[in-house]
């Protein structure tokens, strides 16, 4: 009788262990990857959302049932804070985020990190650099340099001398781009910035602001040979202003980022758009793939326990007629 009792107790204990293990596995489940991006308020952010959705679709097909994904689009920093909080409640193991604004998003990302979530921050870094995350971004200095080299050499080759320049917004990355651009332009003494020295106006990375600034330049300057506007959305407004003015003196407009529209202009031998420099929204795709590599063990997760962010830089390259087909995606929204 005693032996039967012992056997029964052992069986109960074993069942309990199996049940406990099952509960634990059920709570853990499959790894969850949360993705928080801005809603599309212009072409580039529209591209961010499109490339995020593209990455998730591909990974669901490649790893059916192995991972869970949730992509949330926010129209402002307050909504994005709420989105990250919702993703924590959902139980995410990884966070890929392009912050609407760095400062207000930093505390909630740090909170997620403290709870064990491995974080990859895209494009805009956080204001607190005392904890470990991946900061994956384009190379802003290189973007300005590539742009300046092309414009400088193209203008010199074609006997052009007078140009105007537009920046984005008064933020760090804009300064990195514009400083590198002017460094290259000023190597050719024949080139004249009509605003003087390194002066330029901010176009807010906006098509409408680009249109308005270019209309002002056209009225102010009787002769302009080239326009640097740093952004393909801005370039759309600049080109509209030039077309409506009927001006024929402008021979080159250089934007940036690598939009589908710019690529198509290059492919079709547009008279003004000859090249662009990449700072492409597909970087969010790269970030999600980086996250997957960490989850699969192909990349280290040691960044999570580091005392500062780990930088991953996406190069900026010149795209012209010679290589545009290597970058063109006809299905992309940007």
C-alpha atoms as a PDB file:
ATOM      1  CA  UNK A   1       0.000   0.000   0.000  1.00  0.00           C
ATOM      2  CA  UNK A   2       2.809   2.347   0.903  1.00  0.00           C
ATOM      3  CA  UNK A   3       4.564   1.551  -2.416  1.00  0.00           C
ATOM      4  CA  UNK A   4       1.366   2.344  -4.359  1.00  0.00           C
ATOM      5  CA  UNK A   5       1.031   5.644  -2.505  1.00  0.00           C
ATOM      6  CA  UNK A   6       4.631   6.605  -3.333  1.00  0.00           C
ATOM      7  CA  UNK A   7       4.143   5.726  -7.012  1.00  0.00           C
ATOM      8  CA  UNK A   8       0.938   7.768  -7.096  1.00  0.00           C
ATOM      9  CA  UNK A   9       2.648  10.748  -5.489  1.00  0.00           C
ATOM     10  CA  UNK A  10       5.513  10.503  -8.000  1.00  0.00           C
ATOM     11  CA  UNK A  11       3.051  10.419 -10.876  1.00  0.00           C
ATOM     12  CA  UNK A  12       1.227  13.472  -9.499  1.00  0.00           C
ATOM     13  CA  UNK A  13       4.561  15.292  -9.114  1.00  0.00           C
ATOM     14  CA  UNK A  14       5.591  14.398 -12.674  1.00  0.00           C
ATOM     15  CA  UNK A  15       2.268  15.560 -14.092  1.00  0.00           C
ATOM     16  CA  UNK A  16       2.632  18.767 -12.089  1.00  0.00           C
ATOM     17  CA  UNK A  17       6.094  19.354 -13.516  1.00  0.00           C
ATOM     18  CA  UNK A  18       4.829  18.782 -17.067  1.00  0.00           C
ATOM     19  CA  UNK A  19       1.878  21.116 -16.429  1.00  0.00           C
ATOM     20  CA  UNK A  20       4.174  23.790 -14.978  1.00  0.00           C
ATOM     21  CA  UNK A  21       6.482  23.478 -17.966  1.00  0.00           C
ATOM     22  CA  UNK A  22       3.505  23.788 -20.309  1.00  0.00           C
ATOM     23  CA  UNK A  23       2.283  26.937 -18.553  1.00  0.00           C
ATOM     24  CA  UNK A  24       5.743  28.436 -18.769  1.00  0.00           C
ATOM     25  CA  UNK A  25       6.014  27.719 -22.489  1.00  0.00           C
ATOM     26  CA  UNK A  26       2.495  28.997 -23.045  1.00  0.00           C
ATOM     27  CA  UNK A  27       3.346  32.270 -21.313  1.00  0.00           C
ATOM     28  CA  UNK A  28       6.537  32.696 -23.273  1.00  0.00           C
ATOM     29  CA  UNK A  29       5.052  31.674 -26.606  1.00  0.00           C
ATOM     30  CA  UNK A  30       6.806  32.568 -29.836  1.00  0.00           C
ATOM     31  CA  UNK A  31       9.073  35.627 -29.928  1.00  0.00           C
ATOM     32  CA  UNK A  32       7.153  38.844 -30.509  1.00  0.00           C
ATOM     33  CA  UNK A  33       8.558  41.692 -32.606  1.00  0.00           C
ATOM     34  CA  UNK A  34       6.897  45.077 -32.200  1.00  0.00           C
ATOM     35  CA  UNK A  35       7.394  47.788 -34.814  1.00  0.00           C
ATOM     36  CA  UNK A  36       6.455  51.428 -34.141  1.00  0.00           C
ATOM     37  CA  UNK A  37       6.675  53.914 -37.008  1.00  0.00           C
ATOM     38  CA  UNK A  38       5.203  57.316 -37.880  1.00  0.00           C
ATOM     39  CA  UNK A  39       2.075  57.559 -39.996  1.00  0.00           C
ATOM     40  CA  UNK A  40       2.762  58.885 -43.495  1.00  0.00           C
ATOM     41  CA  UNK A  41       2.815  62.689 -43.385  1.00  0.00           C
ATOM     42  CA  UNK A  42       5.016  62.980 -46.481  1.00  0.00           C
ATOM     43  CA  UNK A  43       6.593  60.659 -49.017  1.00  0.00           C
ATOM     44  CA  UNK A  44       9.537  59.504 -46.915  1.00  0.00           C
ATOM     45  CA  UNK A  45       7.471  58.485 -43.879  1.00  0.00           C
ATOM     46  CA  UNK A  46       4.993  56.847 -46.237  1.00  0.00           C
ATOM     47  CA  UNK A  47       7.938  54.821 -47.477  1.00  0.00           C
ATOM     48  CA  UNK A  48       8.875  53.884 -43.907  1.00  0.00           C
ATOM     49  CA  UNK A  49       5.458  52.318 -43.343  1.00  0.00           C
ATOM     50  CA  UNK A  50       5.515  50.543 -46.715  1.00  0.00           C
ATOM     51  CA  UNK A  51       8.960  49.031 -46.146  1.00  0.00           C
ATOM     52  CA  UNK A  52       8.021  47.950 -42.598  1.00  0.00           C
ATOM     53  CA  UNK A  53       4.954  46.149 -43.904  1.00  0.00           C
ATOM     54  CA  UNK A  54       7.027  44.606 -46.710  1.00  0.00           C
ATOM     55  CA  UNK A  55       9.571  43.196 -44.241  1.00  0.00           C
ATOM     56  CA  UNK A  56       6.869  41.695 -42.031  1.00  0.00           C
ATOM     57  CA  UNK A  57       5.101  40.098 -45.003  1.00  0.00           C
ATOM     58  CA  UNK A  58       8.328  38.502 -46.209  1.00  0.00           C
ATOM     59  CA  UNK A  59       9.297  37.235 -42.761  1.00  0.00           C
ATOM     60  CA  UNK A  60       5.872  35.727 -42.110  1.00  0.00           C
ATOM     61  CA  UNK A  61       6.259  33.783 -45.341  1.00  0.00           C
ATOM     62  CA  UNK A  62       9.832  32.764 -44.540  1.00  0.00           C
ATOM     63  CA  UNK A  63       9.180  31.795 -40.893  1.00  0.00           C
ATOM     64  CA  UNK A  64       5.510  30.719 -40.741  1.00  0.00           C
ATOM     65  CA  UNK A  65       4.314  30.666 -37.137  1.00  0.00           C
ATOM     66  CA  UNK A  66       7.798  31.102 -35.688  1.00  0.00           C
ATOM     67  CA  UNK A  67       7.434  34.801 -34.835  1.00  0.00           C
ATOM     68  CA  UNK A  68       4.637  37.222 -34.125  1.00  0.00           C
ATOM     69  CA  UNK A  69       4.738  40.739 -35.556  1.00  0.00           C
ATOM     70  CA  UNK A  70       2.760  43.865 -34.831  1.00  0.00           C
ATOM     71  CA  UNK A  71       3.260  47.086 -36.820  1.00  0.00           C
ATOM     72  CA  UNK A  72       1.758  50.263 -35.321  1.00  0.00           C
ATOM     73  CA  UNK A  73       1.610  53.621 -37.133  1.00  0.00           C
ATOM     74  CA  UNK A  74       1.394  56.816 -35.059  1.00  0.00           C
ATOM     75  CA  UNK A  75       0.418  60.329 -36.168  1.00  0.00           C
ATOM     76  CA  UNK A  76       2.354  62.014 -33.368  1.00  0.00           C
ATOM     77  CA  UNK A  77       4.705  61.364 -30.469  1.00  0.00           C
ATOM     78  CA  UNK A  78       1.885  60.972 -27.912  1.00  0.00           C
ATOM     79  CA  UNK A  79       0.256  58.219 -29.944  1.00  0.00           C
ATOM     80  CA  UNK A  80       3.626  56.551 -30.458  1.00  0.00           C
ATOM     81  CA  UNK A  81       4.307  56.521 -26.715  1.00  0.00           C
ATOM     82  CA  UNK A  82       0.947  54.817 -26.266  1.00  0.00           C
ATOM     83  CA  UNK A  83       1.825  52.365 -29.040  1.00  0.00           C
ATOM     84  CA  UNK A  84       5.058  51.328 -27.319  1.00  0.00           C
ATOM     85  CA  UNK A  85       3.181  50.879 -24.050  1.00  0.00           C
ATOM     86  CA  UNK A  86       0.608  48.716 -25.855  1.00  0.00           C
ATOM     87  CA  UNK A  87       3.396  46.634 -27.374  1.00  0.00           C
ATOM     88  CA  UNK A  88       4.843  46.058 -23.883  1.00  0.00           C
ATOM     89  CA  UNK A  89       1.445  44.855 -22.673  1.00  0.00           C
ATOM     90  CA  UNK A  90       1.282  42.622 -25.757  1.00  0.00           C
ATOM     91  CA  UNK A  91       4.552  41.102 -24.539  1.00  0.00           C
ATOM     92  CA  UNK A  92       7.039  42.075 -27.207  1.00  0.00           C
ATOM     93  CA  UNK A  93      10.554  40.698 -26.992  1.00  0.00           C
ATOM     94  CA  UNK A  94      11.991  43.068 -29.602  1.00  0.00           C
ATOM     95  CA  UNK A  95      11.179  46.663 -30.527  1.00  0.00           C
ATOM     96  CA  UNK A  96      12.009  48.346 -33.833  1.00  0.00           C
ATOM     97  CA  UNK A  97      11.099  52.024 -33.656  1.00  0.00           C
ATOM     98  CA  UNK A  98      11.550  55.146 -35.739  1.00  0.00           C
ATOM     99  CA  UNK A  99      10.750  57.830 -33.150  1.00  0.00           C
ATOM    100  CA  UNK A 100       8.396  60.621 -34.120  1.00  0.00           C
ATOM    101  CA  UNK A 101      10.559  62.814 -31.910  1.00  0.00           C
ATOM    102  CA  UNK A 102      13.588  61.659 -29.968  1.00  0.00           C
ATOM    103  CA  UNK A 103      13.095  63.407 -26.604  1.00  0.00           C
ATOM    104  CA  UNK A 104       9.507  62.369 -25.746  1.00  0.00           C
ATOM    105  CA  UNK A 105      10.037  58.781 -26.950  1.00  0.00           C
ATOM    106  CA  UNK A 106      13.248  58.194 -25.035  1.00  0.00           C
ATOM    107  CA  UNK A 107      11.703  57.409 -21.598  1.00  0.00           C
ATOM    108  CA  UNK A 108       9.262  54.785 -22.886  1.00  0.00           C
ATOM    109  CA  UNK A 109      11.931  53.067 -24.999  1.00  0.00           C
ATOM    110  CA  UNK A 110      14.215  53.029 -21.967  1.00  0.00           C
ATOM    111  CA  UNK A 111      11.367  51.534 -19.932  1.00  0.00           C
ATOM    112  CA  UNK A 112      10.912  48.810 -22.549  1.00  0.00           C
ATOM    113  CA  UNK A 113      14.650  48.128 -22.479  1.00  0.00           C
ATOM    114  CA  UNK A 114      14.617  47.856 -18.684  1.00  0.00           C
ATOM    115  CA  UNK A 115      11.868  45.249 -18.939  1.00  0.00           C
ATOM    116  CA  UNK A 116      14.089  43.094 -21.157  1.00  0.00           C
ATOM    117  CA  UNK A 117      12.994  44.230 -24.617  1.00  0.00           C
ATOM    118  CA  UNK A 118      15.834  44.408 -27.132  1.00  0.00           C
ATOM    119  CA  UNK A 119      15.538  47.723 -28.985  1.00  0.00           C
ATOM    120  CA  UNK A 120      16.546  48.872 -32.458  1.00  0.00           C
ATOM    121  CA  UNK A 121      16.082  52.596 -33.015  1.00  0.00           C
ATOM    122  CA  UNK A 122      15.923  53.737 -36.632  1.00  0.00           C
ATOM    123  CA  UNK A 123      17.173  57.043 -38.069  1.00  0.00           C
ATOM    124  CA  UNK A 124      16.680  59.360 -35.084  1.00  0.00           C
ATOM    125  CA  UNK A 125      18.636  58.380 -32.005  1.00  0.00           C
ATOM    126  CA  UNK A 126      17.398  58.825 -28.461  1.00  0.00           C
ATOM    127  CA  UNK A 127      18.366  61.647 -26.109  1.00  0.00           C
ATOM    128  CA  UNK A 128      19.581  59.204 -23.435  1.00  0.00           C
ATOM    129  CA  UNK A 129      22.660  57.281 -24.522  1.00  0.00           C
ATOM    130  CA  UNK A 130      23.335  55.554 -21.204  1.00  0.00           C
ATOM    131  CA  UNK A 131      21.812  52.182 -22.128  1.00  0.00           C
ATOM    132  CA  UNK A 132      22.217  49.557 -24.819  1.00  0.00           C
ATOM    133  CA  UNK A 133      20.300  49.597 -28.073  1.00  0.00           C
ATOM    134  CA  UNK A 134      21.049  49.536 -31.790  1.00  0.00           C
ATOM    135  CA  UNK A 135      20.880  52.919 -33.511  1.00  0.00           C
ATOM    136  CA  UNK A 136      20.536  52.115 -37.215  1.00  0.00           C
ATOM    137  CA  UNK A 137      20.589  55.168 -39.453  1.00  0.00           C
ATOM    138  CA  UNK A 138      21.703  56.551 -42.767  1.00  0.00           C
ATOM    139  CA  UNK A 139      24.970  58.430 -43.126  1.00  0.00           C
ATOM    140  CA  UNK A 140      23.940  62.093 -43.117  1.00  0.00           C
ATOM    141  CA  UNK A 141      27.446  63.478 -43.564  1.00  0.00           C
ATOM    142  CA  UNK A 142      28.070  61.128 -46.458  1.00  0.00           C
ATOM    143  CA  UNK A 143      24.758  62.129 -48.031  1.00  0.00           C
ATOM    144  CA  UNK A 144      25.790  65.788 -48.028  1.00  0.00           C
ATOM    145  CA  UNK A 145      29.242  64.940 -49.327  1.00  0.00           C
ATOM    146  CA  UNK A 146      27.965  62.758 -52.188  1.00  0.00           C
ATOM    147  CA  UNK A 147      25.509  65.484 -53.168  1.00  0.00           C
ATOM    148  CA  UNK A 148      28.138  68.218 -53.062  1.00  0.00           C
ATOM    149  CA  UNK A 149      30.655  66.253 -55.124  1.00  0.00           C
ATOM    150  CA  UNK A 150      28.113  65.564 -57.860  1.00  0.00           C
ATOM    151  CA  UNK A 151      26.791  69.127 -57.995  1.00  0.00           C
ATOM    152  CA  UNK A 152      30.268  70.652 -57.902  1.00  0.00           C
ATOM    153  CA  UNK A 153      31.596  68.471 -60.703  1.00  0.00           C
ATOM    154  CA  UNK A 154      28.436  68.712 -62.834  1.00  0.00           C
ATOM    155  CA  UNK A 155      28.330  72.497 -62.576  1.00  0.00           C
ATOM    156  CA  UNK A 156      32.019  72.870 -63.395  1.00  0.00           C
ATOM    157  CA  UNK A 157      31.762  70.508 -66.378  1.00  0.00           C
ATOM    158  CA  UNK A 158      28.743  72.357 -67.788  1.00  0.00           C
ATOM    159  CA  UNK A 159      29.921  75.909 -67.140  1.00  0.00           C
ATOM    160  CA  UNK A 160      27.359  76.588 -64.399  1.00  0.00           C
ATOM    161  CA  UNK A 161      28.278  78.879 -61.507  1.00  0.00           C
ATOM    162  CA  UNK A 162      25.261  80.163 -59.547  1.00  0.00           C
ATOM    163  CA  UNK A 163      23.269  78.050 -57.127  1.00  0.00           C
ATOM    164  CA  UNK A 164      20.829  78.177 -54.209  1.00  0.00           C
ATOM    165  CA  UNK A 165      20.513  75.663 -51.373  1.00  0.00           C
ATOM    166  CA  UNK A 166      17.718  74.500 -49.095  1.00  0.00           C
ATOM    167  CA  UNK A 167      18.038  72.558 -45.868  1.00  0.00           C
ATOM    168  CA  UNK A 168      15.470  70.499 -43.998  1.00  0.00           C
ATOM    169  CA  UNK A 169      14.950  71.637 -40.402  1.00  0.00           C
ATOM    170  CA  UNK A 170      17.270  73.118 -37.742  1.00  0.00           C
ATOM    171  CA  UNK A 171      18.292  69.730 -36.312  1.00  0.00           C
ATOM    172  CA  UNK A 172      21.618  67.928 -35.981  1.00  0.00           C
ATOM    173  CA  UNK A 173      21.284  65.688 -39.028  1.00  0.00           C
ATOM    174  CA  UNK A 174      20.461  68.679 -41.233  1.00  0.00           C
ATOM    175  CA  UNK A 175      23.618  70.426 -40.116  1.00  0.00           C
ATOM    176  CA  UNK A 176      25.669  67.315 -40.853  1.00  0.00           C
ATOM    177  CA  UNK A 177      24.289  67.173 -44.388  1.00  0.00           C
ATOM    178  CA  UNK A 178      24.641  70.861 -45.178  1.00  0.00           C
ATOM    179  CA  UNK A 179      28.124  71.248 -43.719  1.00  0.00           C
ATOM    180  CA  UNK A 180      29.404  68.323 -45.789  1.00  0.00           C
ATOM    181  CA  UNK A 181      27.645  69.694 -48.881  1.00  0.00           C
ATOM    182  CA  UNK A 182      29.229  73.143 -48.562  1.00  0.00           C
ATOM    183  CA  UNK A 183      32.632  71.614 -47.798  1.00  0.00           C
ATOM    184  CA  UNK A 184      32.585  70.067 -51.261  1.00  0.00           C
ATOM    185  CA  UNK A 185      31.000  72.990 -53.115  1.00  0.00           C
ATOM    186  CA  UNK A 186      33.550  75.456 -51.757  1.00  0.00           C
ATOM    187  CA  UNK A 187      36.427  73.435 -53.200  1.00  0.00           C
ATOM    188  CA  UNK A 188      35.470  74.887 -56.595  1.00  0.00           C
ATOM    189  CA  UNK A 189      36.077  78.649 -56.429  1.00  0.00           C
ATOM    190  CA  UNK A 190      33.966  79.413 -59.502  1.00  0.00           C
ATOM    191  CA  UNK A 191      30.745  78.328 -57.756  1.00  0.00           C
ATOM    192  CA  UNK A 192      28.675  81.039 -56.072  1.00  0.00           C
ATOM    193  CA  UNK A 193      25.998  80.472 -53.450  1.00  0.00           C
ATOM    194  CA  UNK A 194      23.554  83.280 -54.247  1.00  0.00           C
ATOM    195  CA  UNK A 195      22.578  83.543 -50.567  1.00  0.00           C
ATOM    196  CA  UNK A 196      26.229  84.073 -49.660  1.00  0.00           C
ATOM    197  CA  UNK A 197      28.768  81.863 -47.905  1.00  0.00           C
ATOM    198  CA  UNK A 198      27.050  78.839 -46.355  1.00  0.00           C
ATOM    199  CA  UNK A 199      23.645  80.482 -46.017  1.00  0.00           C
ATOM    200  CA  UNK A 200      20.468  78.578 -46.854  1.00  0.00           C
ATOM    201  CA  UNK A 201      16.780  78.420 -45.971  1.00  0.00           C
ATOM    202  CA  UNK A 202      14.910  75.563 -44.330  1.00  0.00           C
ATOM    203  CA  UNK A 203      12.329  73.782 -46.498  1.00  0.00           C
ATOM    204  CA  UNK A 204      11.024  71.606 -43.631  1.00  0.00           C
ATOM    205  CA  UNK A 205      11.375  68.530 -45.904  1.00  0.00           C
ATOM    206  CA  UNK A 206       8.060  69.706 -47.337  1.00  0.00           C
ATOM    207  CA  UNK A 207       6.875  69.846 -50.954  1.00  0.00           C
ATOM    208  CA  UNK A 208       4.806  72.965 -50.247  1.00  0.00           C
ATOM    209  CA  UNK A 209       7.677  74.778 -48.523  1.00  0.00           C
ATOM    210  CA  UNK A 210       9.990  73.829 -51.384  1.00  0.00           C
ATOM    211  CA  UNK A 211       7.518  75.342 -53.828  1.00  0.00           C
ATOM    212  CA  UNK A 212       7.257  78.570 -51.818  1.00  0.00           C
ATOM    213  CA  UNK A 213      11.010  78.966 -51.345  1.00  0.00           C
ATOM    214  CA  UNK A 214      11.703  78.350 -55.017  1.00  0.00           C
ATOM    215  CA  UNK A 215       9.068  80.909 -56.028  1.00  0.00           C
ATOM    216  CA  UNK A 216      10.866  83.430 -53.796  1.00  0.00           C
ATOM    217  CA  UNK A 217      14.262  82.578 -55.281  1.00  0.00           C
ATOM    218  CA  UNK A 218      12.930  82.935 -58.811  1.00  0.00           C
ATOM    219  CA  UNK A 219      11.650  86.407 -57.998  1.00  0.00           C
ATOM    220  CA  UNK A 220      14.799  87.404 -56.104  1.00  0.00           C
ATOM    221  CA  UNK A 221      17.522  86.094 -58.400  1.00  0.00           C
ATOM    222  CA  UNK A 222      17.447  86.850 -62.140  1.00  0.00           C
ATOM    223  CA  UNK A 223      19.809  83.959 -62.865  1.00  0.00           C
ATOM    224  CA  UNK A 224      20.047  80.595 -61.092  1.00  0.00           C
ATOM    225  CA  UNK A 225      21.903  77.650 -62.571  1.00  0.00           C
ATOM    226  CA  UNK A 226      21.378  74.920 -59.982  1.00  0.00           C
ATOM    227  CA  UNK A 227      19.304  74.109 -56.897  1.00  0.00           C
ATOM    228  CA  UNK A 228      20.223  71.859 -53.989  1.00  0.00           C
ATOM    229  CA  UNK A 229      17.145  70.964 -51.933  1.00  0.00           C
ATOM    230  CA  UNK A 230      18.417  67.880 -50.033  1.00  0.00           C
ATOM    231  CA  UNK A 231      15.115  65.995 -50.268  1.00  0.00           C
ATOM    232  CA  UNK A 232      13.063  64.479 -53.077  1.00  0.00           C
ATOM    233  CA  UNK A 233       9.756  65.643 -51.560  1.00  0.00           C
ATOM    234  CA  UNK A 234      11.086  69.213 -51.527  1.00  0.00           C
ATOM    235  CA  UNK A 235      12.359  68.697 -55.062  1.00  0.00           C
ATOM    236  CA  UNK A 236       8.794  68.066 -56.256  1.00  0.00           C
ATOM    237  CA  UNK A 237       7.790  71.564 -55.129  1.00  0.00           C
ATOM    238  CA  UNK A 238      10.958  73.107 -56.566  1.00  0.00           C
ATOM    239  CA  UNK A 239      10.321  71.550 -59.969  1.00  0.00           C
ATOM    240  CA  UNK A 240       6.724  72.783 -59.936  1.00  0.00           C
ATOM    241  CA  UNK A 241       7.849  76.346 -59.246  1.00  0.00           C
ATOM    242  CA  UNK A 242      10.415  76.202 -62.058  1.00  0.00           C
ATOM    243  CA  UNK A 243       7.877  74.810 -64.500  1.00  0.00           C
ATOM    244  CA  UNK A 244       5.267  77.432 -63.637  1.00  0.00           C
ATOM    245  CA  UNK A 245       7.812  80.250 -63.932  1.00  0.00           C
ATOM    246  CA  UNK A 246       8.964  79.258 -67.385  1.00  0.00           C
ATOM    247  CA  UNK A 247      12.596  79.934 -66.368  1.00  0.00           C
ATOM    248  CA  UNK A 248      15.153  78.289 -68.647  1.00  0.00           C
ATOM    249  CA  UNK A 249      18.366  79.281 -66.835  1.00  0.00           C
ATOM    250  CA  UNK A 250      18.042  76.518 -64.202  1.00  0.00           C
ATOM    251  CA  UNK A 251      19.855  73.414 -65.445  1.00  0.00           C
ATOM    252  CA  UNK A 252      20.134  71.147 -62.390  1.00  0.00           C
ATOM    253  CA  UNK A 253      17.952  70.274 -59.395  1.00  0.00           C
ATOM    254  CA  UNK A 254      19.390  67.869 -56.825  1.00  0.00           C
ATOM    255  CA  UNK A 255      17.153  66.422 -54.106  1.00  0.00           C
ATOM    256  CA  UNK A 256      17.983  63.436 -51.964  1.00  0.00           C
ATOM    257  CA  UNK A 257      16.743  60.242 -50.251  1.00  0.00           C
ATOM    258  CA  UNK A 258      16.139  58.175 -53.389  1.00  0.00           C
ATOM    259  CA  UNK A 259      12.418  58.345 -54.142  1.00  0.00           C
ATOM    260  CA  UNK A 260      10.814  56.273 -56.872  1.00  0.00           C
ATOM    261  CA  UNK A 261       9.830  59.537 -58.587  1.00  0.00           C
ATOM    262  CA  UNK A 262      13.448  60.716 -58.641  1.00  0.00           C
ATOM    263  CA  UNK A 263      14.630  57.365 -59.946  1.00  0.00           C
ATOM    264  CA  UNK A 264      12.066  57.500 -62.753  1.00  0.00           C
ATOM    265  CA  UNK A 265      13.164  61.017 -63.706  1.00  0.00           C
ATOM    266  CA  UNK A 266      16.764  59.822 -63.883  1.00  0.00           C
ATOM    267  CA  UNK A 267      15.756  56.786 -65.928  1.00  0.00           C
ATOM    268  CA  UNK A 268      13.784  58.979 -68.348  1.00  0.00           C
ATOM    269  CA  UNK A 269      16.574  61.540 -68.863  1.00  0.00           C
ATOM    270  CA  UNK A 270      14.786  64.411 -67.146  1.00  0.00           C
ATOM    271  CA  UNK A 271      16.373  67.714 -68.231  1.00  0.00           C
ATOM    272  CA  UNK A 272      16.907  68.873 -64.614  1.00  0.00           C
ATOM    273  CA  UNK A 273      17.139  65.760 -62.421  1.00  0.00           C
ATOM    274  CA  UNK A 274      20.302  63.820 -63.159  1.00  0.00           C
ATOM    275  CA  UNK A 275      21.088  62.097 -59.866  1.00  0.00           C
ATOM    276  CA  UNK A 276      20.153  61.704 -56.210  1.00  0.00           C
ATOM    277  CA  UNK A 277      21.883  60.572 -53.009  1.00  0.00           C
ATOM    278  CA  UNK A 278      20.299  57.799 -50.991  1.00  0.00           C
ATOM    279  CA  UNK A 279      18.859  58.165 -47.513  1.00  0.00           C
ATOM    280  CA  UNK A 280      16.158  55.663 -48.173  1.00  0.00           C
ATOM    281  CA  UNK A 281      13.182  54.630 -46.011  1.00  0.00           C
ATOM    282  CA  UNK A 282      14.121  51.017 -46.713  1.00  0.00           C
ATOM    283  CA  UNK A 283      16.420  51.449 -43.693  1.00  0.00           C
ATOM    284  CA  UNK A 284      13.467  50.327 -41.549  1.00  0.00           C
ATOM    285  CA  UNK A 285      13.429  47.103 -43.580  1.00  0.00           C
ATOM    286  CA  UNK A 286      17.138  46.725 -42.791  1.00  0.00           C
ATOM    287  CA  UNK A 287      16.387  47.295 -39.096  1.00  0.00           C
ATOM    288  CA  UNK A 288      13.692  44.623 -38.993  1.00  0.00           C
ATOM    289  CA  UNK A 289      15.983  42.177 -40.789  1.00  0.00           C
ATOM    290  CA  UNK A 290      18.737  43.029 -38.286  1.00  0.00           C
ATOM    291  CA  UNK A 291      16.290  42.263 -35.484  1.00  0.00           C
ATOM    292  CA  UNK A 292      15.464  38.911 -37.087  1.00  0.00           C
ATOM    293  CA  UNK A 293      19.166  38.082 -37.368  1.00  0.00           C
ATOM    294  CA  UNK A 294      19.504  38.721 -33.634  1.00  0.00           C
ATOM    295  CA  UNK A 295      16.507  36.500 -32.902  1.00  0.00           C
ATOM    296  CA  UNK A 296      17.944  33.755 -35.132  1.00  0.00           C
ATOM    297  CA  UNK A 297      21.375  34.009 -33.503  1.00  0.00           C
ATOM    298  CA  UNK A 298      23.127  35.255 -36.629  1.00  0.00           C
ATOM    299  CA  UNK A 299      23.911  38.560 -34.910  1.00  0.00           C
ATOM    300  CA  UNK A 300      24.864  39.122 -31.288  1.00  0.00           C
ATOM    301  CA  UNK A 301      22.411  40.541 -28.755  1.00  0.00           C
ATOM    302  CA  UNK A 302      25.293  41.862 -26.617  1.00  0.00           C
ATOM    303  CA  UNK A 303      24.254  45.407 -27.535  1.00  0.00           C
ATOM    304  CA  UNK A 304      21.346  45.036 -25.092  1.00  0.00           C
ATOM    305  CA  UNK A 305      23.617  44.900 -22.027  1.00  0.00           C
ATOM    306  CA  UNK A 306      26.034  47.567 -23.265  1.00  0.00           C
ATOM    307  CA  UNK A 307      26.312  50.912 -21.467  1.00  0.00           C
ATOM    308  CA  UNK A 308      25.762  52.943 -24.644  1.00  0.00           C
ATOM    309  CA  UNK A 309      24.092  52.571 -28.056  1.00  0.00           C
ATOM    310  CA  UNK A 310      25.702  50.559 -30.845  1.00  0.00           C
ATOM    311  CA  UNK A 311      25.743  52.436 -34.145  1.00  0.00           C
ATOM    312  CA  UNK A 312      24.907  50.712 -37.440  1.00  0.00           C
ATOM    313  CA  UNK A 313      25.309  53.016 -40.440  1.00  0.00           C
ATOM    314  CA  UNK A 314      23.623  52.575 -43.823  1.00  0.00           C
ATOM    315  CA  UNK A 315      25.889  54.145 -46.487  1.00  0.00           C
ATOM    316  CA  UNK A 316      24.643  56.958 -48.717  1.00  0.00           C
ATOM    317  CA  UNK A 317      25.426  56.390 -52.382  1.00  0.00           C
ATOM    318  CA  UNK A 318      25.034  58.415 -55.551  1.00  0.00           C
ATOM    319  CA  UNK A 319      22.344  57.116 -57.887  1.00  0.00           C
ATOM    320  CA  UNK A 320      22.524  58.239 -61.506  1.00  0.00           C
ATOM    321  CA  UNK A 321      21.719  56.758 -64.914  1.00  0.00           C
ATOM    322  CA  UNK A 322      24.494  54.189 -64.557  1.00  0.00           C
ATOM    323  CA  UNK A 323      23.082  52.414 -61.470  1.00  0.00           C
ATOM    324  CA  UNK A 324      19.497  53.561 -61.025  1.00  0.00           C
ATOM    325  CA  UNK A 325      18.028  50.173 -61.939  1.00  0.00           C
ATOM    326  CA  UNK A 326      19.953  48.617 -59.042  1.00  0.00           C
ATOM    327  CA  UNK A 327      17.902  50.766 -56.634  1.00  0.00           C
ATOM    328  CA  UNK A 328      14.533  51.107 -58.365  1.00  0.00           C
ATOM    329  CA  UNK A 329      11.539  49.203 -56.946  1.00  0.00           C
ATOM    330  CA  UNK A 330       8.437  49.784 -59.087  1.00  0.00           C
ATOM    331  CA  UNK A 331       6.119  48.685 -56.271  1.00  0.00           C
ATOM    332  CA  UNK A 332       7.480  51.069 -53.630  1.00  0.00           C
ATOM    333  CA  UNK A 333       5.286  54.005 -52.592  1.00  0.00           C
ATOM    334  CA  UNK A 334       8.399  56.181 -52.312  1.00  0.00           C
END
